[in-house]
Protein backbone atom coordinates (compact mmCIF):
# COMPACT_ATOMS: atom_id res chain seq x y z
CA MET A 1 -78.17 -72.71 -7.62
CA LYS A 2 -79.36 -75.13 -4.98
CA LYS A 3 -82.79 -74.31 -3.54
CA ASN A 4 -83.40 -75.51 -0.02
CA LEU A 5 -87.10 -76.31 0.34
CA PRO A 6 -89.53 -76.20 1.95
CA VAL A 7 -89.55 -72.77 3.59
CA THR A 8 -91.85 -71.33 6.23
CA SER A 9 -92.57 -67.86 7.56
CA ARG A 10 -91.21 -68.61 11.01
CA GLN A 11 -88.40 -66.18 11.85
CA THR A 12 -85.69 -66.78 14.40
CA GLU A 13 -84.43 -63.58 15.98
CA ILE A 14 -80.69 -63.43 16.65
CA PRO A 15 -80.17 -61.74 20.03
CA PRO A 16 -77.66 -58.87 20.18
CA GLY A 17 -74.26 -60.04 21.40
CA VAL A 18 -74.65 -63.56 19.96
CA THR A 19 -72.13 -64.47 17.29
CA LEU A 20 -72.64 -67.26 14.77
CA VAL A 21 -69.34 -68.62 13.51
CA SER A 22 -68.56 -71.16 10.83
CA LYS A 23 -65.47 -72.07 8.87
CA THR A 24 -65.16 -73.75 5.50
CA ASP A 25 -62.42 -75.08 3.29
CA LEU A 26 -61.64 -73.65 -0.12
CA LYS A 27 -64.55 -75.59 -1.65
CA GLY A 28 -67.07 -74.23 0.84
CA ARG A 29 -67.40 -77.36 2.99
CA ILE A 30 -68.03 -76.66 6.67
CA THR A 31 -65.09 -77.54 8.90
CA TYR A 32 -66.17 -75.75 12.08
CA ALA A 33 -69.41 -74.42 13.57
CA ASN A 34 -69.84 -72.91 17.01
CA GLU A 35 -72.68 -73.74 19.37
CA ALA A 36 -74.69 -70.62 18.53
CA PHE A 37 -74.68 -71.43 14.81
CA VAL A 38 -75.62 -75.05 15.47
CA GLU A 39 -78.44 -74.00 17.77
CA VAL A 40 -79.90 -71.35 15.44
CA SER A 41 -79.60 -73.45 12.27
CA GLY A 42 -81.48 -76.35 13.84
CA TYR A 43 -78.98 -78.88 12.52
CA ALA A 44 -76.84 -81.16 14.62
CA LEU A 45 -73.12 -80.56 14.47
CA ASP A 46 -72.61 -83.89 12.68
CA GLU A 47 -75.16 -82.80 10.07
CA LEU A 48 -73.20 -79.62 9.33
CA LEU A 49 -69.60 -80.81 9.29
CA ASN A 50 -68.22 -81.66 5.84
CA GLN A 51 -71.40 -80.34 4.22
CA SER A 52 -71.49 -77.48 1.74
CA HIS A 53 -72.29 -74.18 3.43
CA ASN A 54 -75.20 -73.64 1.06
CA ILE A 55 -77.10 -76.08 3.26
CA VAL A 56 -78.34 -72.98 5.12
CA ARG A 57 -78.88 -70.83 2.00
CA HIS A 58 -82.37 -69.40 1.71
CA PRO A 59 -84.10 -69.41 -1.70
CA ASP A 60 -84.88 -65.68 -1.36
CA MET A 61 -81.18 -64.82 -1.60
CA PRO A 62 -80.30 -63.77 -5.19
CA PRO A 63 -77.36 -65.53 -6.84
CA ALA A 64 -75.79 -62.15 -7.66
CA ALA A 65 -75.22 -61.48 -3.96
CA PHE A 66 -73.15 -64.66 -3.53
CA ALA A 67 -71.42 -64.03 -6.87
CA ASP A 68 -70.30 -60.65 -5.50
CA MET A 69 -69.20 -62.34 -2.28
CA TRP A 70 -67.08 -64.95 -4.04
CA ARG A 71 -65.63 -62.37 -6.42
CA THR A 72 -64.56 -60.26 -3.44
CA LEU A 73 -63.16 -63.23 -1.50
CA GLN A 74 -61.16 -64.46 -4.50
CA GLN A 75 -59.49 -61.04 -4.57
CA GLY A 76 -58.29 -61.70 -1.03
CA LYS A 77 -60.65 -59.12 0.49
CA PRO A 78 -63.29 -59.54 3.22
CA TRP A 79 -66.97 -59.27 2.27
CA ARG A 80 -69.84 -57.96 4.35
CA GLY A 81 -73.57 -58.00 3.75
CA ILE A 82 -77.02 -58.67 5.20
CA VAL A 83 -77.88 -62.34 4.57
CA LYS A 84 -81.07 -64.35 4.95
CA ASN A 85 -80.37 -67.97 5.97
CA ARG A 86 -82.67 -70.97 6.22
CA CYS A 87 -83.15 -73.15 9.31
CA LYS A 88 -83.49 -76.91 9.12
CA ASP A 89 -87.25 -76.69 9.75
CA GLY A 90 -87.75 -74.20 6.87
CA GLY A 91 -87.71 -71.06 9.00
CA TYR A 92 -85.28 -68.21 8.43
CA TYR A 93 -83.10 -65.72 10.24
CA TRP A 94 -81.38 -62.51 9.18
CA VAL A 95 -77.74 -61.87 10.04
CA ASP A 96 -75.15 -59.21 9.44
CA ALA A 97 -72.48 -61.45 7.92
CA CYS A 98 -68.80 -60.77 7.44
CA VAL A 99 -66.84 -63.38 5.48
CA VAL A 100 -63.03 -63.25 5.51
CA PRO A 101 -60.32 -65.43 3.98
CA VAL A 102 -58.36 -67.57 6.43
CA LYS A 103 -54.65 -67.51 5.61
CA ARG A 104 -51.70 -69.58 6.70
CA HIS A 105 -48.24 -68.48 5.54
CA ASP A 106 -49.89 -65.91 3.24
CA GLN A 107 -51.88 -68.64 1.52
CA VAL A 108 -55.67 -68.84 1.68
CA THR A 109 -56.65 -72.12 3.33
CA GLY A 110 -60.35 -71.49 3.82
CA TYR A 111 -62.99 -68.96 4.75
CA MET A 112 -64.59 -67.88 8.00
CA SER A 113 -68.06 -66.38 8.35
CA VAL A 114 -68.89 -64.33 11.44
CA ARG A 115 -72.55 -63.33 11.74
CA LYS A 116 -74.36 -61.21 14.27
CA HIS A 117 -77.69 -59.50 14.90
CA ALA A 118 -78.93 -57.48 11.90
CA PRO A 119 -80.85 -54.26 12.73
CA PRO A 120 -84.34 -53.85 11.20
CA ASP A 121 -83.41 -50.90 8.98
CA ALA A 122 -80.52 -52.85 7.47
CA ILE A 123 -82.85 -55.82 6.85
CA ALA A 124 -85.40 -53.56 5.12
CA ALA A 125 -82.69 -52.06 2.90
CA ALA A 126 -81.36 -55.53 2.05
CA GLN A 127 -84.84 -56.79 1.17
CA ALA A 128 -85.38 -53.87 -1.21
CA LEU A 129 -81.95 -54.42 -2.77
CA TYR A 130 -82.49 -58.17 -3.22
CA HIS A 131 -85.90 -57.51 -4.75
CA ASP A 132 -84.33 -55.15 -7.28
CA MET A 133 -81.53 -57.63 -7.97
CA ALA A 134 -84.04 -60.39 -8.62
CA ALA A 135 -85.92 -58.07 -11.00
CA GLY A 136 -82.71 -56.96 -12.71
CA ARG A 137 -83.10 -53.34 -11.61
CA ALA A 138 -80.22 -53.14 -9.18
CA LYS A 139 -77.49 -50.70 -10.06
CA PRO A 140 -73.93 -51.00 -8.78
CA GLY A 141 -73.12 -48.51 -6.06
CA LEU A 142 -70.54 -45.79 -6.47
CA ARG A 143 -67.19 -47.15 -5.41
CA LEU A 144 -63.84 -45.55 -5.31
CA PRO A 145 -61.31 -47.11 -7.69
CA ALA A 146 -59.40 -49.96 -6.12
CA TRP A 147 -56.06 -48.52 -7.23
CA LEU A 148 -56.61 -45.30 -5.28
CA GLY A 149 -54.11 -45.31 -2.47
CA ILE A 150 -51.45 -43.23 -0.78
CA ARG A 151 -48.74 -44.15 -3.29
CA SER A 152 -50.95 -43.71 -6.35
CA GLY A 153 -52.51 -40.59 -4.85
CA MET A 154 -49.11 -39.00 -4.37
CA ARG A 155 -48.14 -39.90 -7.91
CA LEU A 156 -51.37 -38.57 -9.37
CA GLY A 157 -51.14 -35.43 -7.24
CA THR A 158 -47.59 -34.80 -8.41
CA LEU A 159 -48.55 -35.38 -12.04
CA PHE A 160 -51.60 -33.14 -11.65
CA VAL A 161 -49.58 -30.30 -10.14
CA ALA A 162 -46.94 -30.72 -12.84
CA LEU A 163 -49.67 -30.69 -15.50
CA LEU A 164 -51.20 -27.54 -14.01
CA MET A 165 -47.80 -25.85 -14.00
CA LEU A 166 -47.16 -27.01 -17.57
CA VAL A 167 -50.55 -25.79 -18.79
CA GLY A 168 -50.12 -22.51 -16.92
CA GLY A 169 -46.66 -22.08 -18.41
CA VAL A 170 -47.94 -22.89 -21.91
CA LEU A 171 -50.80 -20.43 -21.52
CA GLY A 172 -48.51 -17.73 -20.14
CA ILE A 173 -45.70 -18.19 -22.65
CA GLY A 174 -48.19 -18.74 -25.46
CA GLY A 175 -50.05 -15.58 -24.47
CA LEU A 176 -46.83 -13.58 -24.48
CA LYS A 177 -45.90 -15.02 -27.88
CA LEU A 178 -49.31 -14.16 -29.26
CA ALA A 179 -48.95 -10.65 -27.87
CA ASP A 180 -45.50 -10.35 -29.50
CA ASP A 181 -46.92 -11.62 -32.80
CA ALA A 182 -49.78 -9.14 -32.55
CA LEU A 183 -47.36 -6.26 -31.91
CA HIS A 184 -45.12 -7.47 -34.74
CA GLN A 185 -48.04 -7.63 -37.16
CA LEU A 186 -49.32 -4.27 -35.98
CA TYR A 187 -45.98 -2.68 -36.64
CA HIS A 188 -44.94 -4.42 -39.87
CA ARG A 189 -48.35 -4.81 -41.49
CA GLN A 190 -50.13 -1.71 -40.32
CA LEU A 191 -47.86 0.93 -38.79
CA GLY A 192 -44.99 0.42 -41.26
CA PRO A 193 -47.14 0.68 -44.37
CA VAL A 194 -49.04 3.63 -42.87
CA ALA A 195 -45.74 5.42 -42.28
CA ALA A 196 -44.62 4.59 -45.82
CA ILE A 197 -47.93 5.88 -47.21
CA GLY A 198 -47.46 9.09 -45.23
CA LYS A 199 -43.98 9.51 -46.70
CA ILE A 200 -45.29 8.75 -50.19
CA THR A 201 -48.02 11.33 -49.80
CA ALA A 202 -45.48 13.84 -48.55
CA ARG A 203 -43.17 13.13 -51.51
CA LEU A 204 -46.10 13.49 -53.89
CA GLY A 205 -46.77 16.93 -52.43
CA GLU A 206 -43.09 17.86 -52.58
CA SER A 207 -42.88 16.63 -56.17
CA ARG A 208 -45.85 18.78 -57.12
CA ALA A 209 -44.21 21.80 -55.48
CA THR A 210 -40.92 21.03 -57.24
CA MET A 211 -42.66 20.81 -60.59
CA LEU A 212 -44.28 24.18 -59.97
CA GLU A 213 -40.85 25.59 -59.14
CA ILE A 214 -39.48 24.12 -62.42
CA ARG A 215 -42.35 25.72 -64.27
CA LEU A 216 -41.63 29.11 -62.74
CA ALA A 217 -37.90 28.69 -63.31
CA ARG A 218 -38.51 28.17 -67.01
CA GLN A 219 -40.31 31.46 -67.19
CA ARG A 220 -37.24 33.30 -65.81
CA THR A 221 -33.79 33.74 -67.18
CA GLY A 222 -30.58 32.88 -65.44
CA GLN A 223 -32.03 30.08 -63.43
CA ASP A 224 -30.16 27.18 -64.96
CA GLU A 225 -28.45 26.06 -61.75
CA ALA A 226 -31.74 26.25 -59.80
CA LEU A 227 -33.49 24.32 -62.55
CA ALA A 228 -30.87 21.57 -62.45
CA HIS A 229 -31.17 21.40 -58.69
CA GLN A 230 -34.96 21.14 -58.90
CA ILE A 231 -34.75 18.41 -61.55
CA ALA A 232 -32.32 16.45 -59.32
CA ARG A 233 -34.64 16.87 -56.36
CA LEU A 234 -37.61 15.71 -58.48
CA ARG A 235 -35.58 12.66 -59.51
CA ALA A 236 -34.73 11.98 -55.85
CA HIS A 237 -38.41 12.19 -54.95
CA ARG A 238 -39.21 9.73 -57.72
CA ASP A 239 -36.53 7.30 -56.52
CA GLU A 240 -37.72 7.61 -52.93
CA VAL A 241 -41.32 6.91 -53.99
CA GLN A 242 -40.08 3.86 -55.91
CA ALA A 243 -38.22 2.69 -52.79
CA LEU A 244 -41.25 3.24 -50.60
CA LEU A 245 -43.35 1.42 -53.15
CA GLY A 246 -40.91 -1.46 -53.02
CA GLN A 247 -41.19 -1.43 -49.21
CA LEU A 248 -44.96 -1.73 -49.52
CA ALA A 249 -44.57 -4.64 -51.94
CA VAL A 250 -42.25 -6.63 -49.66
CA ASP A 251 -45.14 -8.45 -48.00
CA SER A 252 -47.46 -8.36 -50.97
CA GLY A 253 -48.59 -11.95 -50.32
CA GLN A 254 -50.51 -10.83 -47.21
CA ALA A 255 -51.04 -7.16 -48.22
CA PRO A 256 -54.55 -5.92 -48.90
CA PRO A 257 -55.58 -5.46 -52.57
CA GLN A 258 -55.41 -1.66 -52.19
CA THR A 259 -51.62 -2.03 -52.10
CA GLN A 260 -51.61 -3.28 -55.68
CA ARG A 261 -53.80 -0.40 -56.78
CA LEU A 262 -51.54 2.09 -55.01
CA ALA A 263 -48.49 0.47 -56.61
CA ALA A 264 -50.10 0.69 -60.04
CA ALA A 265 -51.12 4.33 -59.46
CA LEU A 266 -47.62 5.26 -58.27
CA THR A 267 -46.03 3.43 -61.19
CA HIS A 268 -48.19 5.38 -63.63
CA TYR A 269 -47.44 8.56 -61.70
CA THR A 270 -43.68 8.08 -61.90
CA ASP A 271 -43.51 6.57 -65.39
CA GLU A 272 -46.17 8.64 -67.10
CA GLY A 273 -45.81 11.79 -65.06
CA LEU A 274 -42.53 12.49 -63.33
CA GLN A 275 -40.26 10.96 -65.94
CA ARG A 276 -41.92 12.91 -68.77
CA VAL A 277 -41.72 16.10 -66.77
CA GLU A 278 -38.02 15.43 -66.23
CA MET A 279 -37.53 14.80 -69.96
CA ALA A 280 -39.47 17.93 -70.87
CA ALA A 281 -37.44 19.93 -68.38
CA ALA A 282 -34.25 18.46 -69.81
CA PHE A 283 -35.23 19.53 -73.34
CA ASP A 284 -36.27 22.96 -72.03
CA ASP A 285 -39.86 22.73 -73.19
CA PRO A 286 -41.95 24.81 -70.75
CA GLU A 287 -45.13 24.44 -72.74
CA GLN A 288 -44.91 20.67 -72.63
CA ILE A 289 -44.12 20.86 -68.89
CA ASP A 290 -47.26 22.87 -68.27
CA GLU A 291 -49.32 20.49 -70.37
CA LEU A 292 -47.85 17.42 -68.66
CA ILE A 293 -48.46 18.90 -65.22
CA ARG A 294 -52.06 19.85 -65.99
CA GLN A 295 -53.10 16.85 -68.02
CA ARG A 296 -51.02 14.00 -66.57
CA VAL A 297 -49.17 14.69 -63.38
CA LEU A 298 -51.98 16.25 -61.39
CA PRO A 299 -54.60 13.57 -62.36
CA LEU A 300 -52.08 10.79 -61.71
CA GLU A 301 -51.12 12.41 -58.40
CA GLN A 302 -54.77 12.62 -57.40
CA ALA A 303 -55.27 8.97 -58.36
CA ALA A 304 -52.18 7.97 -56.37
CA SER A 305 -53.30 10.07 -53.40
CA ALA A 306 -56.75 8.49 -53.58
CA ALA A 307 -55.18 5.01 -53.74
CA ALA A 308 -52.95 5.92 -50.80
CA SER A 309 -55.95 7.15 -48.80
CA GLU A 310 -57.83 3.98 -49.71
CA LEU A 311 -54.89 1.84 -48.62
CA ARG A 312 -54.53 3.88 -45.44
CA ASP A 313 -58.21 3.34 -44.65
CA ALA A 314 -57.87 -0.37 -45.42
CA LEU A 315 -54.84 -0.62 -43.16
CA ASP A 316 -56.67 1.30 -40.45
CA THR A 317 -59.62 -1.08 -40.73
CA ALA A 318 -57.27 -4.08 -40.69
CA ALA A 319 -55.46 -2.67 -37.66
CA ARG A 320 -58.74 -2.10 -35.87
CA THR A 321 -59.88 -5.63 -36.78
CA ALA A 322 -56.55 -7.10 -35.62
CA TYR A 323 -56.81 -5.09 -32.42
CA GLU A 324 -60.32 -6.38 -31.78
CA GLU A 325 -59.26 -9.92 -32.65
CA THR A 326 -56.32 -9.60 -30.28
CA LEU A 327 -58.60 -8.37 -27.53
CA ALA A 328 -61.02 -11.23 -28.22
CA ARG A 329 -58.17 -13.75 -28.31
CA ASN A 330 -56.75 -12.40 -25.06
CA ALA A 331 -60.23 -12.55 -23.56
CA ARG A 332 -60.51 -16.19 -24.67
CA ILE A 333 -57.09 -16.96 -23.23
CA ARG A 334 -58.06 -15.19 -20.03
CA ALA A 335 -61.36 -17.12 -19.90
CA ILE A 336 -59.51 -20.38 -20.58
CA ALA A 337 -57.01 -19.54 -17.85
CA ILE A 338 -59.77 -18.67 -15.39
CA ALA A 339 -61.69 -21.80 -16.37
CA GLY A 340 -58.50 -23.83 -16.00
CA ILE A 341 -57.84 -22.32 -12.58
CA LEU A 342 -61.42 -23.02 -11.49
CA CYS A 343 -61.29 -26.55 -12.92
CA GLY A 344 -57.94 -27.08 -11.21
CA LEU A 345 -59.31 -25.85 -7.91
CA LEU A 346 -62.41 -28.03 -8.35
CA ALA A 347 -60.23 -31.01 -9.24
CA VAL A 348 -58.05 -30.36 -6.19
CA VAL A 349 -61.13 -30.11 -3.96
CA LEU A 350 -62.65 -33.29 -5.45
CA ALA A 351 -59.33 -35.13 -5.25
CA GLY A 352 -58.92 -33.96 -1.67
CA HIS A 353 -62.45 -35.10 -0.84
CA MET A 354 -61.85 -38.48 -2.49
CA PHE A 355 -58.50 -38.79 -0.74
CA ILE A 356 -60.04 -38.00 2.63
CA ARG A 357 -62.99 -40.28 2.00
CA GLY A 358 -61.05 -43.18 0.53
CA ILE A 359 -57.75 -42.91 2.39
CA VAL A 360 -57.83 -40.69 5.48
CA ASP A 361 -61.25 -41.66 6.88
CA PRO A 362 -60.63 -45.44 6.60
CA LEU A 363 -57.16 -44.91 8.06
CA ASN A 364 -58.64 -43.06 11.04
CA ALA A 365 -61.31 -45.77 11.33
CA SER A 366 -58.56 -48.41 11.45
CA ILE A 367 -56.72 -46.44 14.12
CA ARG A 368 -59.90 -46.13 16.20
CA ARG A 369 -60.63 -49.84 15.78
CA LEU A 370 -57.11 -50.81 16.84
CA ASN A 371 -57.40 -48.51 19.85
CA ARG A 372 -60.71 -50.18 20.81
CA ILE A 373 -59.15 -53.61 20.38
CA ALA A 374 -56.23 -52.51 22.56
CA GLN A 375 -58.80 -51.45 25.19
CA GLY A 376 -60.51 -54.84 25.02
CA ASP A 377 -63.50 -53.86 22.86
CA LEU A 378 -64.12 -56.38 20.09
CA GLN A 379 -67.77 -55.55 19.55
CA GLY A 380 -67.20 -52.47 17.41
CA GLU A 381 -68.73 -52.07 13.97
CA ILE A 382 -66.98 -53.92 11.16
CA ASP A 383 -65.97 -51.34 8.54
CA LEU A 384 -64.60 -52.56 5.20
CA SER A 385 -64.36 -49.18 3.48
CA GLY A 386 -61.25 -47.69 1.98
CA THR A 387 -58.98 -48.37 -0.95
CA GLY A 388 -55.28 -48.77 -1.43
CA GLU A 389 -53.05 -49.03 1.60
CA SER A 390 -55.61 -47.66 4.05
CA GLY A 391 -58.21 -50.11 2.73
CA GLN A 392 -55.77 -52.97 3.20
CA LEU A 393 -55.06 -51.81 6.76
CA ASN A 394 -58.79 -51.48 7.44
CA HIS A 395 -59.43 -54.96 6.06
CA ALA A 396 -56.56 -56.42 8.07
CA ALA A 397 -57.87 -54.76 11.25
CA ALA A 398 -61.36 -56.11 10.57
CA VAL A 399 -60.03 -59.62 9.92
CA MET A 400 -57.94 -59.47 13.12
CA GLN A 401 -60.99 -58.30 15.07
CA LEU A 402 -63.10 -61.16 13.70
CA HIS A 403 -60.39 -63.73 14.41
CA LEU A 404 -60.05 -62.47 17.96
CA LYS A 405 -63.82 -62.65 18.41
CA VAL A 406 -63.85 -66.24 17.13
CA MET A 407 -60.91 -67.14 19.38
CA LEU A 408 -62.78 -65.68 22.35
CA ASP A 409 -65.86 -67.61 21.32
CA GLU A 410 -63.85 -70.83 21.26
CA ILE A 411 -62.21 -69.94 24.59
CA ALA A 412 -65.64 -69.23 26.09
CA LEU A 413 -66.89 -72.57 24.77
CA ALA A 414 -63.88 -74.38 26.28
CA ALA A 415 -64.37 -72.52 29.57
CA ARG A 416 -68.03 -73.52 29.75
CA ARG A 417 -67.10 -77.15 29.04
CA ILE A 418 -64.46 -77.03 31.76
CA GLN A 419 -67.04 -75.63 34.17
CA ARG A 420 -69.52 -78.40 33.33
CA HIS A 421 -66.87 -81.11 33.64
CA CYS A 422 -65.60 -79.60 36.89
CA THR A 423 -69.13 -79.56 38.30
CA THR A 424 -69.61 -83.21 37.35
CA LEU A 425 -66.19 -84.12 38.71
CA ASN A 426 -66.86 -82.27 41.95
CA THR A 427 -70.11 -84.16 42.38
CA VAL A 428 -68.37 -87.50 41.81
CA LEU A 429 -65.48 -86.56 44.09
CA TYR A 430 -67.91 -85.46 46.77
CA SER A 431 -69.65 -88.84 46.54
CA VAL A 432 -66.30 -90.65 46.65
CA THR A 433 -65.27 -88.62 49.68
CA GLU A 434 -68.51 -89.41 51.49
CA HIS A 435 -68.17 -93.09 50.57
CA SER A 436 -64.55 -93.06 51.77
CA GLU A 437 -65.66 -91.54 55.09
CA ALA A 438 -68.24 -94.29 55.53
CA GLN A 439 -65.76 -97.00 54.56
CA HIS A 440 -63.22 -95.45 56.89
CA ASP A 441 -65.65 -95.62 59.80
CA ARG A 442 -66.62 -99.22 59.05
CA VAL A 443 -62.99 -100.32 58.62
CA TYR A 444 -61.97 -98.68 61.91
CA ALA A 445 -64.93 -100.35 63.68
CA ALA A 446 -63.81 -103.68 62.28
CA ILE A 447 -60.24 -102.92 63.28
CA ARG A 448 -61.34 -102.18 66.87
CA ALA A 449 -63.34 -105.44 66.97
CA LEU A 450 -60.38 -107.29 65.47
CA ASP A 451 -58.01 -105.71 68.00
CA ALA A 452 -60.32 -106.92 70.81
CA ALA A 453 -60.36 -110.41 69.28
CA VAL A 454 -56.58 -110.35 68.98
CA ALA A 455 -56.32 -109.31 72.62
CA GLU A 456 -58.66 -112.14 73.67
CA THR A 457 -56.75 -114.63 71.51
CA SER A 458 -53.48 -113.48 73.03
CA ASP A 459 -55.00 -113.88 76.52
CA LEU A 460 -56.18 -117.42 75.66
CA SER A 461 -52.75 -118.21 74.28
CA GLU A 462 -51.13 -117.07 77.48
CA ARG A 463 -53.58 -119.12 79.57
CA ALA A 464 -52.92 -122.18 77.41
CA GLU A 465 -49.21 -121.70 77.92
CA ARG A 466 -49.66 -121.50 81.70
CA LEU A 467 -52.00 -124.54 81.67
CA LEU A 468 -49.44 -126.49 79.65
CA HIS A 469 -46.74 -125.52 82.10
CA LEU A 470 -48.88 -126.56 85.06
CA ALA A 471 -49.75 -129.84 83.38
CA GLY A 472 -46.10 -130.62 82.87
CA ALA A 473 -45.25 -129.65 86.41
CA ASP A 474 -48.02 -131.74 87.99
CA GLY A 475 -47.22 -134.81 85.92
CA ALA A 476 -50.56 -134.94 84.21
CA ALA A 477 -51.57 -137.73 81.96
CA PRO A 478 -49.86 -137.73 78.56
CA ALA A 479 -53.16 -137.48 76.74
CA LEU A 480 -54.13 -134.39 78.69
CA ALA A 481 -50.72 -132.90 78.15
CA ASP A 482 -50.94 -133.47 74.41
CA GLU A 483 -54.38 -131.91 74.22
CA THR A 484 -53.19 -128.98 76.26
CA ARG A 485 -50.17 -128.59 73.96
CA GLU A 486 -52.35 -128.71 70.83
CA LEU A 487 -54.71 -126.16 72.34
CA ALA A 488 -51.81 -123.84 73.15
CA THR A 489 -50.41 -124.25 69.62
CA ALA A 490 -53.81 -123.53 68.04
CA THR A 491 -54.28 -120.53 70.28
CA ARG A 492 -50.87 -119.17 69.33
CA LEU A 493 -51.61 -119.68 65.60
CA ALA A 494 -54.96 -117.96 65.98
CA ALA A 495 -53.28 -115.05 67.75
CA PHE A 496 -50.67 -114.78 64.99
CA GLY A 497 -53.41 -114.88 62.29
CA ALA A 498 -55.45 -112.25 64.12
CA GLU A 499 -52.39 -110.02 64.34
CA GLU A 500 -51.73 -110.42 60.58
CA VAL A 501 -55.38 -109.61 59.78
CA ALA A 502 -55.24 -106.64 62.12
CA GLY A 503 -52.08 -105.38 60.35
CA ALA A 504 -53.75 -105.77 56.96
CA MET A 505 -56.83 -103.96 58.20
CA HIS A 506 -54.62 -101.13 59.49
CA GLN A 507 -53.00 -100.92 56.05
CA VAL A 508 -56.46 -100.80 54.43
CA ALA A 509 -57.44 -98.06 56.86
CA ASP A 510 -54.28 -96.13 56.02
CA LEU A 511 -55.05 -96.49 52.26
CA ILE A 512 -58.60 -95.27 52.81
CA VAL A 513 -57.30 -92.25 54.68
CA GLU A 514 -54.76 -91.63 51.92
CA ASN A 515 -57.41 -92.03 49.17
CA ARG A 516 -59.73 -89.72 51.04
CA GLY A 517 -56.96 -87.10 51.15
CA GLU A 518 -56.30 -87.58 47.43
CA ALA A 519 -60.02 -87.21 46.66
CA GLN A 520 -60.17 -84.06 48.75
CA ARG A 521 -57.09 -82.66 46.97
CA ALA A 522 -58.64 -83.59 43.61
CA TRP A 523 -61.86 -81.84 44.64
CA GLN A 524 -59.89 -78.75 45.64
CA ALA A 525 -58.01 -78.81 42.29
CA SER A 526 -61.32 -79.15 40.46
CA GLU A 527 -62.70 -76.20 42.38
CA GLU A 528 -59.63 -74.16 41.50
CA LEU A 529 -60.00 -75.15 37.82
CA LYS A 530 -63.65 -74.18 38.00
CA CYS A 531 -62.67 -70.80 39.42
CA VAL A 532 -60.11 -70.39 36.62
CA ALA A 533 -62.82 -71.20 34.06
CA SER A 534 -65.10 -68.68 35.73
CA GLU A 535 -62.36 -66.04 35.59
CA LEU A 536 -61.77 -66.94 31.95
CA ASN A 537 -65.45 -66.43 31.27
CA GLY A 538 -65.23 -63.07 32.99
CA LEU A 539 -62.28 -62.15 30.76
CA VAL A 540 -64.26 -63.21 27.69
CA ASP A 541 -67.16 -61.08 28.89
CA PHE A 542 -64.80 -58.14 29.22
CA PHE A 543 -63.67 -58.42 25.59
CA ALA A 544 -66.98 -59.62 24.14
CA PRO A 545 -69.93 -59.05 26.48
CA GLY A 546 -72.70 -61.59 26.22
CA LYS A 547 -70.65 -64.55 24.97
CA SER A 548 -70.49 -66.52 28.19
CA ALA A 549 -74.23 -66.20 28.74
CA ARG A 550 -75.01 -68.54 25.89
């Protein structure tokens, strides 16, 4: 980077209301500079034109600041910052600079920099920032994403609401499905087997009672039909227990291990107990029936009942565990739903805050700026905040405000030049008018003297004519007559010449009078133009106070 040296500690203060304006081409060469910029920089206008704008760059300015400026400008956006510039004599001045692209037919043709007074607090903040940038400690500020706008915000808002509805629907439907699954498992894995175990236990009791009835029937006579009925009922109990056992074994892959033990105990009970009792009853062997009941059936029944109780306890424990897991899962779903609702509300609040900050506030700022411009106020603060469409509108309003300020500056400059030229012209016209008055007086004095001479010459001519007539009448000598005739001729010629000179002098006098009138009219026109320039300055002061005072 070019370093302009030497530098001094002499600071030039930019008065409030003074605007420094310069324009460059796409390569940064100065194509225009207003009087205020020329005066503050210390350079002559010829020294600035066609020179690179870094001719006023101060060595204290970090390269990163200008890199950010050019990066912003190349994106077609205006840039604003506090800048320290160098004067020709090495001094410096601080300005609040706003640089905007200059476009023609939507094509960037150059750049315009509009600078004004920088307040002390902004200068102090800029000095601290530039010091950190030079030391490599500067951190980029928090900026809203450039894509955030009304269109993208509406799209994101719609997607966010749709996502919330989708997530809420998934959680709701998923929760109902989980509840259905929990009820299904509770019924088919716990309540169903518990009911089957209850029936099995009841059939075991009924089978024991039936076997006791068979035993008693064998001790009586004439009970063959009752015995057959009891054997059939015992067989029905055995088949029903086998069916219930099969029902318990349907879901054996997920059944607790107590189910297998109960199945084994029931199988032994039916195969080793009930079937043998039925066979003994069929062969009418009461002693064997008693022995089978005491030694086999009752122990096997007790083992089966114990296995059934164990399975019932296991199922009860599993049901309690499933119930607790369901409650915990529902609590987690409820917590997730509450957290999702809170996160959604927080996201909506943050999105609303970002939308207001990045879209609505800049849009309102643009509206206020346009209202101030419509009221003739071009001195408002330049705000380049905002993203998306509102940011573009804010930038466009700022660029329009700066262009209008520069146009007013140029108009004020032209008005001041017109005033100076009109003052000079009025002075010259006043001198010409005075000189014309003097010439008019002298010409009219000469004309009066010439008219007197013409009158005398005419009188002499008339006398010569009378003398010639008298000489001819008296018969004077020829020589005297000739001399008298020559004198009369000369007198007439002199009278004619005096009349011609007098006519020319009258024409000169008329021209002087006419020129004096033209000079007076020109002076009046100059005064009117001066008044127009003064009114133009007043109009400039109305839109941008302080400009015409420079």
